[in-house]
Amino acid sequence: MTSDPERTELSDLVRERRTELGLSLRALAGRCIDPESAGEPLWKYAVLNRLERRLPVIPPRLPELRALAAGLDLPVEVLQGAAGSQFMGIQPPWGSSREMRSLVTDYLALSPESRDRLRSIVRLWAADRPA
């Protein structure tokens, strides 16, 4: 069950991303297949509907989060962060912004050399900012 009715990060993420993709709940449910098991969809319409409406649901486990990430075409880490916030009260240091979660996830996927280059670019842009 949702532990804190004030925390809705996963619910909001699913609703917003599904809308961006132009998917119905049934279409999303059909896309939610765990890429590591490649079996049947792991999410049902009714559960997705309850989740989006911020009604109590059983917290998803990792295979379900992977399946939901596949359905929403997002990195699983973004879903893990949102689920951790909603169901366990875990607040990542970068906050609850989906944009920031995506940026951090993308950054972590870079090679160490690419991370160094990106940090250099960010430092240059920050130094260029008006005082």
C-alpha atoms as a PDB file:
ATOM      1  CA  MET A   1       0.000   0.000   0.000  1.00  0.00           C
ATOM      2  CA  THR A   2       1.055   3.589  -0.485  1.00  0.00           C
ATOM      3  CA  SER A   3       2.653   4.455   2.841  1.00  0.00           C
ATOM      4  CA  ASP A   4       2.110   8.216   2.714  1.00  0.00           C
ATOM      5  CA  PRO A   5      -0.833   9.703   0.791  1.00  0.00           C
ATOM      6  CA  GLU A   6       1.200  12.899   0.316  1.00  0.00           C
ATOM      7  CA  ARG A   7       3.879  11.050  -1.660  1.00  0.00           C
ATOM      8  CA  THR A   8       2.765  10.432  -5.224  1.00  0.00           C
ATOM      9  CA  GLU A   9       5.987  10.466  -7.255  1.00  0.00           C
ATOM     10  CA  LEU A  10       5.453   7.152  -9.066  1.00  0.00           C
ATOM     11  CA  SER A  11       1.740   7.784  -9.588  1.00  0.00           C
ATOM     12  CA  ASP A  12       2.440  11.205 -11.069  1.00  0.00           C
ATOM     13  CA  LEU A  13       5.321   9.945 -13.214  1.00  0.00           C
ATOM     14  CA  VAL A  14       3.210   7.149 -14.714  1.00  0.00           C
ATOM     15  CA  ARG A  15       0.253   9.431 -15.445  1.00  0.00           C
ATOM     16  CA  GLU A  16       2.402  12.205 -16.966  1.00  0.00           C
ATOM     17  CA  ARG A  17       4.580   9.906 -19.092  1.00  0.00           C
ATOM     18  CA  ARG A  18       1.626   7.831 -20.318  1.00  0.00           C
ATOM     19  CA  THR A  19      -0.073  11.060 -21.395  1.00  0.00           C
ATOM     20  CA  GLU A  20       3.119  12.229 -23.159  1.00  0.00           C
ATOM     21  CA  LEU A  21       3.242   8.949 -25.072  1.00  0.00           C
ATOM     22  CA  GLY A  22      -0.456   9.140 -25.939  1.00  0.00           C
ATOM     23  CA  LEU A  23      -1.165   5.699 -24.487  1.00  0.00           C
ATOM     24  CA  SER A  24      -4.344   4.420 -22.905  1.00  0.00           C
ATOM     25  CA  LEU A  25      -4.023   2.513 -19.646  1.00  0.00           C
ATOM     26  CA  ARG A  26      -4.783  -0.727 -21.487  1.00  0.00           C
ATOM     27  CA  ALA A  27      -2.132   0.003 -24.122  1.00  0.00           C
ATOM     28  CA  LEU A  28       0.402   0.785 -21.407  1.00  0.00           C
ATOM     29  CA  ALA A  29      -0.459  -2.425 -19.554  1.00  0.00           C
ATOM     30  CA  GLY A  30       0.222  -4.398 -22.734  1.00  0.00           C
ATOM     31  CA  ARG A  31       3.665  -2.808 -23.116  1.00  0.00           C
ATOM     32  CA  CYS A  32       4.767  -3.522 -19.531  1.00  0.00           C
ATOM     33  CA  ILE A  33       6.883  -6.622 -20.112  1.00  0.00           C
ATOM     34  CA  ASP A  34      10.033  -7.176 -18.076  1.00  0.00           C
ATOM     35  CA  PRO A  35      12.867  -7.169 -20.645  1.00  0.00           C
ATOM     36  CA  GLU A  36      14.837  -9.622 -18.502  1.00  0.00           C
ATOM     37  CA  SER A  37      12.105 -12.265 -18.536  1.00  0.00           C
ATOM     38  CA  ALA A  38      10.330 -11.375 -21.819  1.00  0.00           C
ATOM     39  CA  GLY A  39       7.195 -13.080 -20.575  1.00  0.00           C
ATOM     40  CA  GLU A  40       3.699 -11.753 -20.154  1.00  0.00           C
ATOM     41  CA  PRO A  41       2.903  -8.144 -19.195  1.00  0.00           C
ATOM     42  CA  LEU A  42       3.373  -7.652 -15.454  1.00  0.00           C
ATOM     43  CA  TRP A  43       0.908  -4.780 -15.011  1.00  0.00           C
ATOM     44  CA  LYS A  44      -2.854  -4.965 -15.272  1.00  0.00           C
ATOM     45  CA  TYR A  45      -5.146  -2.134 -16.305  1.00  0.00           C
ATOM     46  CA  ALA A  46      -6.820  -2.059 -12.877  1.00  0.00           C
ATOM     47  CA  VAL A  47      -3.552  -1.701 -10.968  1.00  0.00           C
ATOM     48  CA  LEU A  48      -2.264   1.028 -13.281  1.00  0.00           C
ATOM     49  CA  ASN A  49      -5.589   2.808 -12.924  1.00  0.00           C
ATOM     50  CA  ARG A  50      -5.371   2.659  -9.115  1.00  0.00           C
ATOM     51  CA  LEU A  51      -1.750   3.814  -9.200  1.00  0.00           C
ATOM     52  CA  GLU A  52      -2.516   6.802 -11.416  1.00  0.00           C
ATOM     53  CA  ARG A  53      -5.490   7.748  -9.261  1.00  0.00           C
ATOM     54  CA  ARG A  54      -3.252   7.676  -6.177  1.00  0.00           C
ATOM     55  CA  LEU A  55      -5.206   4.837  -4.599  1.00  0.00           C
ATOM     56  CA  PRO A  56      -3.457   2.198  -2.472  1.00  0.00           C
ATOM     57  CA  VAL A  57      -1.499  -0.437  -4.397  1.00  0.00           C
ATOM     58  CA  ILE A  58       1.051  -3.054  -3.408  1.00  0.00           C
ATOM     59  CA  PRO A  59       4.508  -1.520  -3.914  1.00  0.00           C
ATOM     60  CA  PRO A  60       6.063  -2.848  -7.139  1.00  0.00           C
ATOM     61  CA  ARG A  61       9.073  -5.125  -7.048  1.00  0.00           C
ATOM     62  CA  LEU A  62      12.072  -4.854  -9.371  1.00  0.00           C
ATOM     63  CA  PRO A  63      10.673  -7.000 -12.238  1.00  0.00           C
ATOM     64  CA  GLU A  64       7.505  -4.898 -12.197  1.00  0.00           C
ATOM     65  CA  LEU A  65       9.532  -1.684 -12.229  1.00  0.00           C
ATOM     66  CA  ARG A  66      11.590  -2.960 -15.174  1.00  0.00           C
ATOM     67  CA  ALA A  67       8.363  -3.812 -16.994  1.00  0.00           C
ATOM     68  CA  LEU A  68       6.860  -0.405 -16.219  1.00  0.00           C
ATOM     69  CA  ALA A  69      10.066   1.292 -17.377  1.00  0.00           C
ATOM     70  CA  ALA A  70       9.844  -0.632 -20.655  1.00  0.00           C
ATOM     71  CA  GLY A  71       6.211   0.357 -21.061  1.00  0.00           C
ATOM     72  CA  LEU A  72       6.945   4.014 -20.390  1.00  0.00           C
ATOM     73  CA  ASP A  73      10.223   4.026 -22.363  1.00  0.00           C
ATOM     74  CA  LEU A  74      12.187   5.366 -19.391  1.00  0.00           C
ATOM     75  CA  PRO A  75      15.333   4.168 -17.606  1.00  0.00           C
ATOM     76  CA  VAL A  76      14.452   1.781 -14.784  1.00  0.00           C
ATOM     77  CA  GLU A  77      16.437   3.960 -12.376  1.00  0.00           C
ATOM     78  CA  VAL A  78      13.914   6.758 -12.869  1.00  0.00           C
ATOM     79  CA  LEU A  79      11.093   4.397 -11.862  1.00  0.00           C
ATOM     80  CA  GLN A  80      13.105   3.060  -8.924  1.00  0.00           C
ATOM     81  CA  GLY A  81      13.641   6.576  -7.606  1.00  0.00           C
ATOM     82  CA  ALA A  82       9.973   7.477  -7.935  1.00  0.00           C
ATOM     83  CA  ALA A  83       8.856   4.214  -6.317  1.00  0.00           C
ATOM     84  CA  GLY A  84      11.371   4.627  -3.487  1.00  0.00           C
ATOM     85  CA  SER A  85      10.056   8.120  -2.849  1.00  0.00           C
ATOM     86  CA  GLN A  86       6.386   7.157  -2.958  1.00  0.00           C
ATOM     87  CA  PHE A  87       6.476   3.874  -1.082  1.00  0.00           C
ATOM     88  CA  MET A  88       9.454   4.226   1.236  1.00  0.00           C
ATOM     89  CA  GLY A  89       9.873   7.959   1.697  1.00  0.00           C
ATOM     90  CA  ILE A  90      13.356   7.892   0.161  1.00  0.00           C
ATOM     91  CA  GLN A  91      14.307  11.300  -1.149  1.00  0.00           C
ATOM     92  CA  PRO A  92      17.246  11.302  -3.565  1.00  0.00           C
ATOM     93  CA  PRO A  93      19.673  14.193  -3.182  1.00  0.00           C
ATOM     94  CA  TRP A  94      18.593  15.643  -6.530  1.00  0.00           C
ATOM     95  CA  GLY A  95      14.937  15.931  -5.478  1.00  0.00           C
ATOM     96  CA  SER A  96      11.758  14.593  -6.984  1.00  0.00           C
ATOM     97  CA  SER A  97      12.001  16.320 -10.363  1.00  0.00           C
ATOM     98  CA  ARG A  98      11.682  13.805 -13.197  1.00  0.00           C
ATOM     99  CA  GLU A  99      13.982  15.937 -15.319  1.00  0.00           C
ATOM    100  CA  MET A 100      16.701  15.807 -12.662  1.00  0.00           C
ATOM    101  CA  ARG A 101      16.252  12.044 -12.156  1.00  0.00           C
ATOM    102  CA  SER A 102      16.616  11.547 -15.905  1.00  0.00           C
ATOM    103  CA  LEU A 103      19.697  13.775 -16.087  1.00  0.00           C
ATOM    104  CA  VAL A 104      21.391  11.939 -13.221  1.00  0.00           C
ATOM    105  CA  THR A 105      20.524   8.565 -14.737  1.00  0.00           C
ATOM    106  CA  ASP A 106      21.896   9.617 -18.123  1.00  0.00           C
ATOM    107  CA  TYR A 107      25.029  11.017 -16.483  1.00  0.00           C
ATOM    108  CA  LEU A 108      25.655   7.774 -14.597  1.00  0.00           C
ATOM    109  CA  ALA A 109      25.411   5.825 -17.859  1.00  0.00           C
ATOM    110  CA  LEU A 110      28.321   7.803 -19.371  1.00  0.00           C
ATOM    111  CA  SER A 111      31.885   6.552 -19.400  1.00  0.00           C
ATOM    112  CA  PRO A 112      34.260   8.182 -16.885  1.00  0.00           C
ATOM    113  CA  GLU A 113      35.891  10.106 -19.735  1.00  0.00           C
ATOM    114  CA  SER A 114      32.554  11.431 -20.964  1.00  0.00           C
ATOM    115  CA  ARG A 115      31.603  12.427 -17.415  1.00  0.00           C
ATOM    116  CA  ASP A 116      34.841  14.423 -17.142  1.00  0.00           C
ATOM    117  CA  ARG A 117      34.127  16.187 -20.437  1.00  0.00           C
ATOM    118  CA  LEU A 118      30.559  16.957 -19.393  1.00  0.00           C
ATOM    119  CA  ARG A 119      31.697  18.378 -16.039  1.00  0.00           C
ATOM    120  CA  SER A 120      34.155  20.628 -17.921  1.00  0.00           C
ATOM    121  CA  ILE A 121      31.375  21.901 -20.167  1.00  0.00           C
ATOM    122  CA  VAL A 122      29.079  22.579 -17.210  1.00  0.00           C
ATOM    123  CA  ARG A 123      31.845  24.462 -15.389  1.00  0.00           C
ATOM    124  CA  LEU A 124      32.435  26.619 -18.486  1.00  0.00           C
ATOM    125  CA  TRP A 125      28.730  27.410 -18.803  1.00  0.00           C
ATOM    126  CA  ALA A 126      28.476  28.185 -15.080  1.00  0.00           C
ATOM    127  CA  ALA A 127      31.458  30.512 -15.269  1.00  0.00           C
ATOM    128  CA  ASP A 128      29.828  32.303 -18.222  1.00  0.00           C
ATOM    129  CA  ARG A 129      26.687  33.119 -16.251  1.00  0.00           C
ATOM    130  CA  PRO A 130      26.064  36.809 -15.459  1.00  0.00           C
ATOM    131  CA  ALA A 131      26.809  37.775 -11.858  1.00  0.00           C
END
